[in-house]
N, C-alpha and C. Protein backbone atom coordinates (compact mmCIF):
# COMPACT_ATOMS: atom_id res chain seq x y z
N MET A 1 -8.17 -113.07 -37.72
CA MET A 1 -7.04 -113.04 -38.65
C MET A 1 -6.66 -114.48 -39.02
N GLU A 2 -6.41 -114.72 -40.29
CA GLU A 2 -5.99 -116.04 -40.73
C GLU A 2 -4.63 -116.37 -40.14
N ARG A 3 -4.44 -117.69 -39.84
CA ARG A 3 -3.20 -118.12 -39.22
C ARG A 3 -2.01 -117.77 -40.11
N ARG A 4 -2.14 -117.89 -41.42
CA ARG A 4 -1.03 -117.63 -42.34
C ARG A 4 -0.59 -116.18 -42.23
N LYS A 5 -1.57 -115.23 -42.17
CA LYS A 5 -1.23 -113.82 -42.05
C LYS A 5 -0.59 -113.53 -40.70
N PHE A 6 -1.12 -114.17 -39.64
CA PHE A 6 -0.56 -113.96 -38.30
C PHE A 6 0.90 -114.38 -38.25
N VAL A 7 1.18 -115.55 -38.82
CA VAL A 7 2.56 -116.04 -38.84
C VAL A 7 3.44 -115.10 -39.63
N LYS A 8 2.93 -114.56 -40.73
CA LYS A 8 3.69 -113.64 -41.57
C LYS A 8 4.02 -112.36 -40.80
N TYR A 9 3.00 -111.79 -40.13
CA TYR A 9 3.23 -110.55 -39.38
C TYR A 9 4.16 -110.78 -38.21
N ALA A 10 4.00 -111.92 -37.54
CA ALA A 10 4.86 -112.25 -36.41
C ALA A 10 6.30 -112.39 -36.87
N GLY A 11 6.48 -112.96 -38.07
CA GLY A 11 7.83 -113.11 -38.61
C GLY A 11 8.46 -111.77 -38.91
N LEU A 12 7.68 -110.82 -39.44
CA LEU A 12 8.20 -109.47 -39.71
C LEU A 12 8.57 -108.75 -38.41
N ALA A 13 7.73 -108.96 -37.38
CA ALA A 13 8.03 -108.33 -36.09
C ALA A 13 9.32 -108.88 -35.52
N SER A 14 9.55 -110.18 -35.65
CA SER A 14 10.78 -110.77 -35.15
C SER A 14 11.98 -110.26 -35.90
N LEU A 15 11.82 -110.10 -37.24
CA LEU A 15 12.90 -109.57 -38.05
C LEU A 15 13.23 -108.15 -37.63
N ALA A 16 12.21 -107.32 -37.40
CA ALA A 16 12.44 -105.93 -36.97
C ALA A 16 13.14 -105.89 -35.62
N ALA A 17 12.73 -106.80 -34.70
CA ALA A 17 13.36 -106.83 -33.39
C ALA A 17 14.82 -107.21 -33.50
N GLY A 18 15.13 -108.09 -34.48
CA GLY A 18 16.51 -108.49 -34.67
C GLY A 18 17.35 -107.37 -35.24
N LEU A 19 16.75 -106.59 -36.14
CA LEU A 19 17.49 -105.48 -36.75
C LEU A 19 17.65 -104.32 -35.78
N PHE A 20 16.65 -104.10 -34.94
CA PHE A 20 16.66 -102.99 -33.98
C PHE A 20 16.42 -103.51 -32.58
N PRO A 21 17.43 -104.01 -31.90
CA PRO A 21 17.27 -104.50 -30.53
C PRO A 21 16.79 -103.40 -29.61
N ALA A 22 16.29 -103.81 -28.44
CA ALA A 22 15.68 -102.86 -27.50
C ALA A 22 16.62 -101.74 -27.12
N GLN A 23 17.90 -102.05 -26.92
CA GLN A 23 18.85 -101.01 -26.53
C GLN A 23 19.00 -99.97 -27.63
N SER A 24 19.00 -100.45 -28.88
CA SER A 24 19.12 -99.51 -30.00
C SER A 24 17.90 -98.62 -30.09
N LEU A 25 16.70 -99.19 -29.87
CA LEU A 25 15.48 -98.40 -29.93
C LEU A 25 15.47 -97.36 -28.82
N ASN A 26 15.95 -97.72 -27.63
CA ASN A 26 16.03 -96.75 -26.53
C ASN A 26 17.01 -95.64 -26.85
N ALA A 27 18.12 -96.00 -27.52
CA ALA A 27 19.11 -94.99 -27.87
C ALA A 27 18.57 -94.02 -28.90
N MET A 28 17.65 -94.50 -29.76
CA MET A 28 17.08 -93.66 -30.80
C MET A 28 15.99 -92.74 -30.26
N ALA A 29 15.41 -93.06 -29.11
CA ALA A 29 14.32 -92.27 -28.55
C ALA A 29 14.84 -90.90 -28.10
N PRO A 30 14.06 -89.83 -28.34
CA PRO A 30 14.49 -88.50 -27.89
C PRO A 30 14.67 -88.47 -26.39
N LYS A 31 15.69 -87.75 -25.93
CA LYS A 31 15.98 -87.65 -24.51
C LYS A 31 15.83 -86.20 -24.05
N TYR A 32 15.06 -86.01 -22.99
CA TYR A 32 14.86 -84.69 -22.41
C TYR A 32 14.79 -84.84 -20.90
N SER A 33 15.37 -83.91 -20.18
CA SER A 33 15.26 -83.95 -18.72
C SER A 33 15.35 -82.54 -18.16
N ALA A 34 14.64 -82.34 -17.04
CA ALA A 34 14.67 -81.08 -16.31
C ALA A 34 15.03 -81.42 -14.87
N HIS A 35 16.06 -80.77 -14.35
CA HIS A 35 16.58 -81.08 -13.02
C HIS A 35 16.41 -79.85 -12.12
N LEU A 36 15.58 -79.98 -11.10
CA LEU A 36 15.35 -78.90 -10.15
C LEU A 36 16.31 -79.05 -8.98
N MET A 37 16.98 -77.94 -8.64
CA MET A 37 17.92 -77.95 -7.53
C MET A 37 17.55 -76.87 -6.52
N LYS A 38 17.65 -77.21 -5.26
CA LYS A 38 17.42 -76.26 -4.17
C LYS A 38 18.77 -75.79 -3.62
N PHE A 39 18.89 -74.49 -3.38
CA PHE A 39 20.13 -73.92 -2.90
C PHE A 39 20.02 -73.55 -1.42
N ALA A 40 21.14 -73.15 -0.87
CA ALA A 40 21.15 -72.69 0.52
C ALA A 40 20.28 -71.44 0.64
N GLY A 41 19.73 -71.24 1.82
CA GLY A 41 18.86 -70.09 2.05
C GLY A 41 19.60 -68.76 1.93
N VAL A 42 18.83 -67.69 1.92
CA VAL A 42 19.39 -66.35 1.78
C VAL A 42 20.18 -65.97 3.03
N SER A 43 21.36 -65.37 2.82
CA SER A 43 22.16 -64.85 3.93
C SER A 43 22.08 -63.33 3.92
N THR A 44 21.97 -62.75 5.09
CA THR A 44 21.95 -61.29 5.19
C THR A 44 23.35 -60.79 5.53
N GLN A 45 23.71 -59.64 4.97
CA GLN A 45 25.03 -59.05 5.15
C GLN A 45 24.86 -57.58 5.51
N ILE A 46 25.80 -57.06 6.28
CA ILE A 46 25.85 -55.62 6.52
C ILE A 46 26.32 -54.96 5.24
N ARG A 47 25.72 -53.85 4.85
CA ARG A 47 25.97 -53.22 3.56
C ARG A 47 27.45 -53.00 3.29
N HIS A 48 28.24 -52.65 4.29
CA HIS A 48 29.65 -52.38 4.07
C HIS A 48 30.54 -53.55 4.50
N GLY A 49 29.91 -54.70 4.71
CA GLY A 49 30.68 -55.87 5.10
C GLY A 49 31.29 -56.55 3.89
N ALA A 50 32.20 -57.50 4.14
CA ALA A 50 32.86 -58.24 3.06
C ALA A 50 31.97 -59.39 2.63
N LEU A 51 31.89 -59.61 1.33
CA LEU A 51 31.11 -60.71 0.79
C LEU A 51 32.03 -61.90 0.60
N ASN A 52 31.90 -62.89 1.48
CA ASN A 52 32.77 -64.06 1.45
C ASN A 52 31.90 -65.28 1.12
N ILE A 53 32.00 -65.77 -0.12
CA ILE A 53 31.13 -66.84 -0.58
C ILE A 53 31.93 -68.11 -0.81
N PRO A 54 31.56 -69.24 -0.20
CA PRO A 54 32.28 -70.51 -0.42
C PRO A 54 31.86 -71.18 -1.72
N PHE A 55 32.37 -70.67 -2.83
CA PHE A 55 31.98 -71.22 -4.12
C PHE A 55 32.48 -72.64 -4.32
N ALA A 56 31.90 -73.29 -5.34
CA ALA A 56 32.32 -74.63 -5.76
C ALA A 56 32.27 -75.62 -4.60
N SER A 57 31.17 -75.60 -3.88
CA SER A 57 31.03 -76.48 -2.72
C SER A 57 30.41 -77.82 -3.07
N ALA A 58 30.29 -78.12 -4.36
CA ALA A 58 29.70 -79.38 -4.84
C ALA A 58 28.23 -79.50 -4.46
N GLY A 59 27.58 -78.37 -4.22
CA GLY A 59 26.17 -78.40 -3.87
C GLY A 59 25.28 -78.76 -5.04
N LEU A 60 25.80 -78.69 -6.26
CA LEU A 60 24.98 -78.97 -7.43
C LEU A 60 25.44 -80.24 -8.13
N GLU A 61 25.90 -81.22 -7.37
CA GLU A 61 26.44 -82.43 -7.99
C GLU A 61 25.39 -83.23 -8.74
N LYS A 62 24.10 -82.99 -8.47
CA LYS A 62 23.04 -83.72 -9.16
C LYS A 62 22.58 -83.03 -10.43
N MET A 63 23.18 -81.90 -10.77
CA MET A 63 22.80 -81.22 -11.99
C MET A 63 23.21 -82.07 -13.20
N PRO A 64 22.50 -81.93 -14.33
CA PRO A 64 22.81 -82.77 -15.50
C PRO A 64 24.08 -82.34 -16.23
N PHE A 65 24.69 -81.24 -15.81
CA PHE A 65 25.93 -80.80 -16.41
C PHE A 65 26.83 -80.25 -15.30
N LYS A 66 28.10 -80.07 -15.61
CA LYS A 66 29.08 -79.73 -14.58
C LYS A 66 29.53 -78.28 -14.62
N TRP A 67 28.93 -77.46 -15.47
CA TRP A 67 29.43 -76.10 -15.60
C TRP A 67 28.80 -75.11 -14.61
N VAL A 68 27.68 -75.45 -14.01
CA VAL A 68 27.16 -74.64 -12.90
C VAL A 68 27.71 -75.25 -11.61
N LEU A 69 28.54 -74.52 -10.90
CA LEU A 69 29.23 -75.06 -9.73
C LEU A 69 28.52 -74.77 -8.43
N ASP A 70 27.96 -73.58 -8.31
CA ASP A 70 27.32 -73.21 -7.06
C ASP A 70 26.51 -71.94 -7.25
N VAL A 71 25.52 -71.74 -6.38
CA VAL A 71 24.69 -70.54 -6.41
C VAL A 71 24.46 -70.08 -4.97
N HIS A 72 24.70 -68.79 -4.72
CA HIS A 72 24.47 -68.21 -3.40
C HIS A 72 23.69 -66.92 -3.53
N GLN A 73 22.89 -66.63 -2.53
CA GLN A 73 22.13 -65.37 -2.51
C GLN A 73 22.38 -64.65 -1.20
N ASN A 74 22.71 -63.37 -1.31
CA ASN A 74 22.98 -62.54 -0.14
C ASN A 74 22.18 -61.24 -0.24
N ILE A 75 21.63 -60.83 0.88
CA ILE A 75 20.91 -59.56 0.95
C ILE A 75 21.70 -58.61 1.84
N PHE A 76 22.08 -57.46 1.26
CA PHE A 76 22.81 -56.43 2.00
C PHE A 76 21.80 -55.43 2.57
N LEU A 77 21.70 -55.42 3.89
CA LEU A 77 20.74 -54.54 4.56
C LEU A 77 21.26 -53.11 4.56
N LYS A 78 20.42 -52.18 4.15
CA LYS A 78 20.85 -50.79 4.08
C LYS A 78 21.22 -50.24 5.45
N ASP A 79 20.38 -50.52 6.45
CA ASP A 79 20.67 -49.97 7.78
C ASP A 79 21.40 -50.98 8.67
N GLY A 80 21.63 -52.20 8.14
CA GLY A 80 22.39 -53.19 8.88
C GLY A 80 21.61 -53.96 9.93
N PHE A 81 20.30 -53.66 10.06
CA PHE A 81 19.55 -54.30 11.14
C PHE A 81 18.29 -55.02 10.64
N GLN A 82 17.51 -54.37 9.80
CA GLN A 82 16.25 -54.97 9.40
C GLN A 82 16.03 -54.84 7.90
N ARG A 83 15.12 -55.68 7.41
CA ARG A 83 14.87 -55.78 5.97
C ARG A 83 14.07 -54.59 5.48
N ASN A 84 14.52 -54.03 4.33
CA ASN A 84 13.81 -52.97 3.64
C ASN A 84 13.82 -53.33 2.15
N ILE A 85 12.71 -53.87 1.67
CA ILE A 85 12.66 -54.43 0.32
C ILE A 85 13.03 -53.42 -0.75
N ASP A 86 12.63 -52.14 -0.56
CA ASP A 86 12.87 -51.13 -1.59
C ASP A 86 14.32 -50.65 -1.63
N GLU A 87 15.04 -50.75 -0.51
CA GLU A 87 16.37 -50.16 -0.46
C GLU A 87 17.51 -51.16 -0.23
N ASP A 88 17.19 -52.35 0.24
CA ASP A 88 18.23 -53.37 0.41
C ASP A 88 18.69 -53.89 -0.95
N MET A 89 19.93 -54.36 -1.00
CA MET A 89 20.50 -54.90 -2.24
C MET A 89 20.53 -56.43 -2.17
N ASN A 90 19.93 -57.06 -3.17
CA ASN A 90 19.89 -58.51 -3.27
C ASN A 90 20.94 -58.95 -4.29
N VAL A 91 21.93 -59.78 -3.88
CA VAL A 91 23.01 -60.22 -4.76
C VAL A 91 22.95 -61.73 -4.91
N ILE A 92 22.76 -62.20 -6.13
CA ILE A 92 22.82 -63.62 -6.43
C ILE A 92 24.12 -63.89 -7.18
N SER A 93 24.89 -64.86 -6.71
CA SER A 93 26.19 -65.18 -7.30
C SER A 93 26.14 -66.60 -7.86
N VAL A 94 26.42 -66.71 -9.16
CA VAL A 94 26.41 -68.01 -9.84
C VAL A 94 27.83 -68.33 -10.29
N ALA A 95 28.41 -69.39 -9.72
CA ALA A 95 29.77 -69.80 -10.09
C ALA A 95 29.70 -70.69 -11.32
N LEU A 96 30.39 -70.27 -12.39
CA LEU A 96 30.38 -70.99 -13.67
C LEU A 96 31.78 -71.46 -14.02
N ALA A 97 31.88 -72.68 -14.53
CA ALA A 97 33.18 -73.24 -14.88
C ALA A 97 33.78 -72.49 -16.06
N GLU A 98 35.09 -72.20 -15.95
CA GLU A 98 35.87 -71.58 -17.01
C GLU A 98 37.16 -72.38 -17.12
N GLY A 99 37.13 -73.43 -17.94
CA GLY A 99 38.26 -74.34 -18.02
C GLY A 99 38.37 -75.11 -16.71
N ASP A 100 39.56 -75.15 -16.12
CA ASP A 100 39.74 -75.82 -14.84
C ASP A 100 39.57 -74.87 -13.66
N LYS A 101 39.08 -73.65 -13.94
CA LYS A 101 38.81 -72.66 -12.91
C LYS A 101 37.34 -72.28 -12.97
N PHE A 102 36.96 -71.23 -12.26
CA PHE A 102 35.59 -70.74 -12.35
C PHE A 102 35.56 -69.24 -12.16
N ASP A 103 34.49 -68.62 -12.66
CA ASP A 103 34.22 -67.21 -12.43
C ASP A 103 32.80 -67.09 -11.93
N ALA A 104 32.53 -66.01 -11.21
CA ALA A 104 31.20 -65.81 -10.64
C ALA A 104 30.47 -64.70 -11.38
N LEU A 105 29.27 -65.02 -11.84
CA LEU A 105 28.37 -63.99 -12.37
C LEU A 105 27.60 -63.42 -11.19
N GLN A 106 27.72 -62.10 -10.99
CA GLN A 106 27.03 -61.44 -9.89
C GLN A 106 25.80 -60.72 -10.45
N ILE A 107 24.64 -61.01 -9.86
CA ILE A 107 23.40 -60.33 -10.24
C ILE A 107 22.98 -59.46 -9.08
N ASN A 108 22.93 -58.16 -9.30
CA ASN A 108 22.56 -57.20 -8.25
C ASN A 108 21.14 -56.69 -8.50
N LYS A 109 20.25 -56.95 -7.56
CA LYS A 109 18.87 -56.51 -7.68
C LYS A 109 18.56 -55.56 -6.54
N GLN A 110 18.18 -54.33 -6.90
CA GLN A 110 17.81 -53.33 -5.90
C GLN A 110 16.61 -52.58 -6.42
N SER A 111 15.50 -52.68 -5.70
CA SER A 111 14.25 -52.09 -6.12
C SER A 111 13.90 -52.61 -7.52
N ASP A 112 13.75 -51.74 -8.53
CA ASP A 112 13.41 -52.21 -9.88
C ASP A 112 14.62 -52.20 -10.81
N LYS A 113 15.84 -52.14 -10.25
CA LYS A 113 17.05 -52.10 -11.07
C LYS A 113 17.80 -53.43 -10.95
N ILE A 114 18.30 -53.93 -12.11
CA ILE A 114 19.08 -55.16 -12.14
C ILE A 114 20.40 -54.88 -12.85
N SER A 115 21.50 -55.27 -12.21
CA SER A 115 22.83 -55.09 -12.80
C SER A 115 23.57 -56.42 -12.76
N PHE A 116 24.51 -56.58 -13.70
CA PHE A 116 25.30 -57.80 -13.80
C PHE A 116 26.78 -57.46 -13.82
N LEU A 117 27.55 -58.29 -13.13
CA LEU A 117 29.01 -58.17 -13.14
C LEU A 117 29.59 -59.52 -13.52
N TRP A 118 30.32 -59.56 -14.65
CA TRP A 118 31.00 -60.78 -15.10
C TRP A 118 32.44 -60.41 -15.42
N LYS A 119 33.35 -60.90 -14.60
CA LYS A 119 34.76 -60.54 -14.71
C LYS A 119 34.87 -59.02 -14.62
N GLU A 120 35.32 -58.36 -15.69
CA GLU A 120 35.47 -56.89 -15.65
C GLU A 120 34.29 -56.18 -16.32
N GLN A 121 33.27 -56.93 -16.72
CA GLN A 121 32.15 -56.34 -17.45
C GLN A 121 30.99 -56.04 -16.49
N TRP A 122 30.55 -54.78 -16.51
CA TRP A 122 29.42 -54.34 -15.68
C TRP A 122 28.30 -53.90 -16.61
N LEU A 123 27.07 -54.36 -16.32
CA LEU A 123 25.95 -54.07 -17.21
C LEU A 123 24.71 -53.76 -16.40
N ASP A 124 24.12 -52.57 -16.66
CA ASP A 124 22.83 -52.21 -16.08
C ASP A 124 21.74 -52.53 -17.09
N CYS A 125 20.64 -53.14 -16.64
CA CYS A 125 19.61 -53.60 -17.57
C CYS A 125 18.24 -53.06 -17.19
N ALA A 126 17.45 -52.80 -18.23
CA ALA A 126 16.03 -52.55 -18.01
C ALA A 126 15.40 -53.86 -17.58
N SER A 127 14.60 -53.82 -16.52
CA SER A 127 14.07 -55.06 -15.96
C SER A 127 12.66 -55.37 -16.42
N ASP A 128 12.11 -54.57 -17.37
CA ASP A 128 10.72 -54.76 -17.76
C ASP A 128 10.56 -55.32 -19.17
N LEU A 129 11.66 -55.74 -19.83
CA LEU A 129 11.55 -56.31 -21.17
C LEU A 129 11.22 -57.80 -21.07
N PRO A 130 10.36 -58.32 -21.95
CA PRO A 130 9.99 -59.74 -21.87
C PRO A 130 11.19 -60.68 -21.97
N MET A 131 12.13 -60.38 -22.90
CA MET A 131 13.30 -61.24 -23.06
C MET A 131 14.38 -60.44 -23.77
N GLN A 132 15.60 -60.46 -23.23
CA GLN A 132 16.70 -59.74 -23.85
C GLN A 132 17.99 -60.53 -23.65
N GLU A 133 18.83 -60.53 -24.69
CA GLU A 133 20.15 -61.12 -24.56
C GLU A 133 21.08 -60.07 -23.97
N LEU A 134 21.82 -60.45 -22.95
CA LEU A 134 22.68 -59.51 -22.27
C LEU A 134 23.98 -59.32 -23.05
N ALA A 135 24.44 -58.09 -23.10
CA ALA A 135 25.66 -57.76 -23.85
C ALA A 135 26.89 -58.08 -23.02
N ILE A 136 27.03 -59.35 -22.66
CA ILE A 136 28.17 -59.84 -21.91
C ILE A 136 28.97 -60.76 -22.83
N GLU A 137 30.22 -60.43 -23.05
CA GLU A 137 31.04 -61.20 -23.98
C GLU A 137 31.67 -62.41 -23.28
N ASN A 138 31.42 -63.61 -23.86
CA ASN A 138 32.03 -64.82 -23.35
C ASN A 138 31.94 -65.89 -24.43
N GLU A 139 32.99 -66.68 -24.59
CA GLU A 139 33.02 -67.69 -25.65
C GLU A 139 32.21 -68.93 -25.31
N HIS A 140 31.90 -69.14 -24.04
CA HIS A 140 31.19 -70.35 -23.64
C HIS A 140 29.71 -70.10 -23.33
N TYR A 141 29.41 -68.97 -22.74
CA TYR A 141 28.07 -68.73 -22.22
C TYR A 141 27.37 -67.58 -22.93
N THR A 142 26.04 -67.72 -23.02
CA THR A 142 25.18 -66.64 -23.46
C THR A 142 24.16 -66.40 -22.36
N PHE A 143 23.94 -65.13 -22.02
CA PHE A 143 23.09 -64.79 -20.88
C PHE A 143 21.84 -64.05 -21.38
N TYR A 144 20.69 -64.42 -20.81
CA TYR A 144 19.42 -63.78 -21.15
C TYR A 144 18.71 -63.36 -19.87
N LEU A 145 17.99 -62.24 -19.96
CA LEU A 145 17.18 -61.76 -18.84
C LEU A 145 15.74 -61.65 -19.32
N GLY A 146 14.84 -62.26 -18.57
CA GLY A 146 13.43 -62.20 -18.92
C GLY A 146 12.60 -61.60 -17.79
N HIS A 147 11.54 -60.89 -18.16
CA HIS A 147 10.59 -60.35 -17.20
C HIS A 147 9.22 -60.92 -17.52
N ILE A 148 8.52 -61.42 -16.47
CA ILE A 148 7.21 -62.03 -16.68
C ILE A 148 6.21 -61.39 -15.73
N ALA A 149 5.15 -60.84 -16.29
CA ALA A 149 4.08 -60.30 -15.45
C ALA A 149 3.34 -61.46 -14.78
N GLU A 150 2.70 -61.18 -13.67
CA GLU A 150 1.96 -62.21 -12.96
C GLU A 150 0.92 -62.85 -13.87
N ALA A 151 0.87 -64.18 -13.86
CA ALA A 151 -0.07 -65.00 -14.64
C ALA A 151 0.25 -64.99 -16.13
N ALA A 152 1.39 -64.42 -16.53
CA ALA A 152 1.80 -64.44 -17.94
C ALA A 152 2.87 -65.51 -18.15
N TYR A 153 3.20 -65.74 -19.43
CA TYR A 153 4.17 -66.78 -19.79
C TYR A 153 5.43 -66.18 -20.40
N LEU A 154 6.56 -66.84 -20.14
CA LEU A 154 7.81 -66.58 -20.83
C LEU A 154 8.14 -67.83 -21.64
N SER A 155 8.37 -67.67 -22.95
CA SER A 155 8.66 -68.81 -23.81
C SER A 155 10.00 -68.61 -24.51
N PHE A 156 10.71 -69.71 -24.70
CA PHE A 156 11.91 -69.67 -25.53
C PHE A 156 12.13 -71.05 -26.14
N LYS A 157 12.85 -71.08 -27.24
CA LYS A 157 13.12 -72.34 -27.93
C LYS A 157 14.39 -72.96 -27.37
N GLN A 158 14.26 -74.14 -26.80
CA GLN A 158 15.41 -74.88 -26.31
C GLN A 158 16.03 -75.65 -27.48
N LYS A 159 17.28 -75.35 -27.79
CA LYS A 159 17.96 -76.00 -28.91
C LYS A 159 18.65 -77.28 -28.45
N SER A 160 18.69 -78.25 -29.35
CA SER A 160 19.20 -79.57 -29.00
C SER A 160 20.69 -79.57 -28.70
N ASN A 161 21.43 -78.61 -29.24
CA ASN A 161 22.88 -78.58 -29.04
C ASN A 161 23.31 -77.61 -27.94
N VAL A 162 22.35 -77.19 -27.12
CA VAL A 162 22.63 -76.21 -26.06
C VAL A 162 22.00 -76.71 -24.75
N ASP A 163 22.75 -76.57 -23.65
CA ASP A 163 22.21 -76.82 -22.31
C ASP A 163 21.82 -75.49 -21.68
N TYR A 164 20.83 -75.52 -20.78
CA TYR A 164 20.31 -74.29 -20.20
C TYR A 164 20.22 -74.40 -18.68
N PHE A 165 20.47 -73.27 -18.03
CA PHE A 165 20.27 -73.16 -16.59
C PHE A 165 19.37 -71.96 -16.35
N VAL A 166 18.30 -72.16 -15.60
CA VAL A 166 17.31 -71.11 -15.34
C VAL A 166 17.36 -70.75 -13.86
N GLN A 167 17.56 -69.46 -13.58
CA GLN A 167 17.65 -68.96 -12.21
C GLN A 167 16.67 -67.80 -12.03
N VAL A 168 15.77 -67.92 -11.08
CA VAL A 168 14.86 -66.82 -10.76
C VAL A 168 15.62 -65.78 -9.95
N ILE A 169 15.52 -64.54 -10.39
CA ILE A 169 16.14 -63.43 -9.64
C ILE A 169 15.18 -62.94 -8.56
N ASP A 170 13.93 -62.76 -8.94
CA ASP A 170 12.89 -62.51 -7.94
C ASP A 170 11.56 -63.01 -8.48
N GLY A 171 10.64 -63.29 -7.56
CA GLY A 171 9.35 -63.82 -7.96
C GLY A 171 9.30 -65.34 -7.87
N GLN A 172 8.32 -65.92 -8.54
CA GLN A 172 8.13 -67.38 -8.55
C GLN A 172 7.53 -67.80 -9.88
N ILE A 173 8.11 -68.83 -10.51
CA ILE A 173 7.65 -69.30 -11.81
C ILE A 173 7.43 -70.80 -11.77
N GLU A 174 6.71 -71.29 -12.77
CA GLU A 174 6.37 -72.71 -12.85
C GLU A 174 6.66 -73.24 -14.24
N ASN A 175 7.32 -74.40 -14.31
CA ASN A 175 7.60 -75.07 -15.58
C ASN A 175 7.19 -76.53 -15.41
N GLN A 176 6.06 -76.89 -16.03
CA GLN A 176 5.48 -78.21 -15.83
C GLN A 176 5.28 -78.44 -14.34
N GLU A 177 5.88 -79.50 -13.75
CA GLU A 177 5.65 -79.75 -12.33
C GLU A 177 6.67 -79.05 -11.44
N ASN A 178 7.61 -78.31 -12.04
CA ASN A 178 8.67 -77.66 -11.27
C ASN A 178 8.29 -76.22 -10.94
N VAL A 179 8.41 -75.87 -9.66
CA VAL A 179 8.16 -74.50 -9.19
C VAL A 179 9.48 -73.92 -8.72
N LEU A 180 9.85 -72.76 -9.26
CA LEU A 180 11.14 -72.14 -8.96
C LEU A 180 10.95 -70.78 -8.30
N ASP A 181 11.84 -70.50 -7.34
CA ASP A 181 11.97 -69.16 -6.79
C ASP A 181 13.46 -68.83 -6.76
N SER A 182 13.85 -67.77 -6.05
CA SER A 182 15.25 -67.35 -6.07
C SER A 182 16.17 -68.31 -5.32
N GLU A 183 15.61 -69.29 -4.62
CA GLU A 183 16.42 -70.27 -3.90
C GLU A 183 16.46 -71.61 -4.62
N SER A 184 16.11 -71.62 -5.90
CA SER A 184 16.16 -72.86 -6.67
C SER A 184 16.51 -72.54 -8.12
N GLY A 185 17.02 -73.54 -8.81
CA GLY A 185 17.37 -73.38 -10.22
C GLY A 185 16.97 -74.62 -11.00
N LEU A 186 16.92 -74.48 -12.32
CA LEU A 186 16.47 -75.58 -13.18
C LEU A 186 17.48 -75.81 -14.29
N GLY A 187 17.99 -77.03 -14.38
CA GLY A 187 18.88 -77.42 -15.47
C GLY A 187 18.10 -78.15 -16.54
N LEU A 188 18.27 -77.76 -17.81
CA LEU A 188 17.51 -78.33 -18.91
C LEU A 188 18.46 -78.90 -19.96
N ILE A 189 18.25 -80.17 -20.33
CA ILE A 189 19.01 -80.79 -21.40
C ILE A 189 18.05 -81.53 -22.33
N SER A 190 18.38 -81.57 -23.61
CA SER A 190 17.54 -82.26 -24.58
C SER A 190 18.35 -82.52 -25.85
N ASP A 191 18.03 -83.62 -26.53
CA ASP A 191 18.67 -83.87 -27.81
C ASP A 191 17.74 -83.58 -28.98
N ILE A 192 16.61 -82.89 -28.69
CA ILE A 192 15.73 -82.39 -29.73
C ILE A 192 15.36 -80.95 -29.38
N ASP A 193 14.95 -80.17 -30.38
CA ASP A 193 14.50 -78.81 -30.13
C ASP A 193 13.13 -78.85 -29.44
N LEU A 194 12.96 -78.01 -28.43
CA LEU A 194 11.71 -77.96 -27.68
C LEU A 194 11.31 -76.51 -27.43
N GLN A 195 10.03 -76.29 -27.23
CA GLN A 195 9.55 -74.97 -26.82
C GLN A 195 9.31 -75.00 -25.32
N GLN A 196 10.03 -74.18 -24.58
CA GLN A 196 9.88 -74.12 -23.14
C GLN A 196 8.95 -72.97 -22.75
N GLU A 197 8.09 -73.21 -21.76
CA GLU A 197 7.19 -72.17 -21.27
C GLU A 197 7.26 -72.11 -19.75
N PHE A 198 7.33 -70.89 -19.24
CA PHE A 198 7.36 -70.66 -17.80
C PHE A 198 6.21 -69.73 -17.43
N LEU A 199 5.39 -70.16 -16.49
CA LEU A 199 4.26 -69.37 -16.01
C LEU A 199 4.66 -68.66 -14.73
N ALA A 200 4.42 -67.35 -14.69
CA ALA A 200 4.75 -66.57 -13.50
C ALA A 200 3.61 -66.63 -12.50
N LYS A 201 3.89 -67.18 -11.33
CA LYS A 201 2.89 -67.20 -10.27
C LYS A 201 2.81 -65.84 -9.59
N THR A 202 3.94 -65.10 -9.63
CA THR A 202 3.97 -63.69 -9.23
C THR A 202 4.84 -62.97 -10.26
N GLU A 203 4.84 -61.67 -10.29
CA GLU A 203 5.71 -60.93 -11.20
C GLU A 203 7.16 -61.36 -10.95
N SER A 204 7.87 -61.70 -12.02
CA SER A 204 9.18 -62.35 -11.85
C SER A 204 10.22 -61.83 -12.83
N SER A 205 11.47 -61.87 -12.38
CA SER A 205 12.63 -61.65 -13.24
C SER A 205 13.43 -62.94 -13.28
N VAL A 206 13.87 -63.34 -14.50
CA VAL A 206 14.48 -64.65 -14.67
C VAL A 206 15.77 -64.52 -15.47
N LEU A 207 16.82 -65.18 -15.00
CA LEU A 207 18.08 -65.28 -15.73
C LEU A 207 18.14 -66.65 -16.40
N ILE A 208 18.50 -66.67 -17.69
CA ILE A 208 18.70 -67.92 -18.42
C ILE A 208 20.13 -67.92 -18.95
N ILE A 209 20.89 -68.96 -18.59
CA ILE A 209 22.26 -69.11 -19.05
C ILE A 209 22.32 -70.29 -20.02
N ALA A 210 22.85 -70.06 -21.21
CA ALA A 210 22.93 -71.10 -22.23
C ALA A 210 24.39 -71.41 -22.51
N ARG A 211 24.69 -72.69 -22.69
CA ARG A 211 26.05 -73.11 -23.02
C ARG A 211 26.00 -74.17 -24.09
N GLN A 212 26.80 -73.98 -25.15
CA GLN A 212 26.89 -74.93 -26.23
C GLN A 212 27.46 -76.25 -25.71
N LYS A 213 26.88 -77.36 -26.14
CA LYS A 213 27.37 -78.68 -25.70
C LYS A 213 28.73 -78.99 -26.32
């Protein structure tokens, strides 16, 4: 390259650097992050016992948003002594911020039936649909239930103005390098629209909670 052209190009590069400093260029770059969180292990309960959950224990302080407060999983044993996968009730409780308070979304899984309790709303759902929006009324949150056959994919479009929390109800799924089961959750944030894909390592049911930023 001729020296004159090199000096000219170098001058343009310096001008561009002056107009767009490094901090500005970093601010303009798309931002995306996925945060995997591990929860406390499953607790077993006697079927007729009281469910006493210590919500809002700050266990999710590393999440990228503050509206998921805590997640607990309890298994109610039918006979009170030993595990029976077909007849025991699996209850996952997700504490979600509601102003300066919180409410708990209860997910009840028993055999092939899944039910949801949010405040006074009770909903029974078919558990074999690929993706469905749950008919739960709330001004802040939208709830989705997905079913993934083993070795199949669940896809959804992540919108830039919405944050997402993914909770496995049963089974095991994989999203890039993150592997999730019922004792872990995934927080997703992005300032661009993205296509998310989850691969089921085993047959899985998945809850997706979306909240407008």
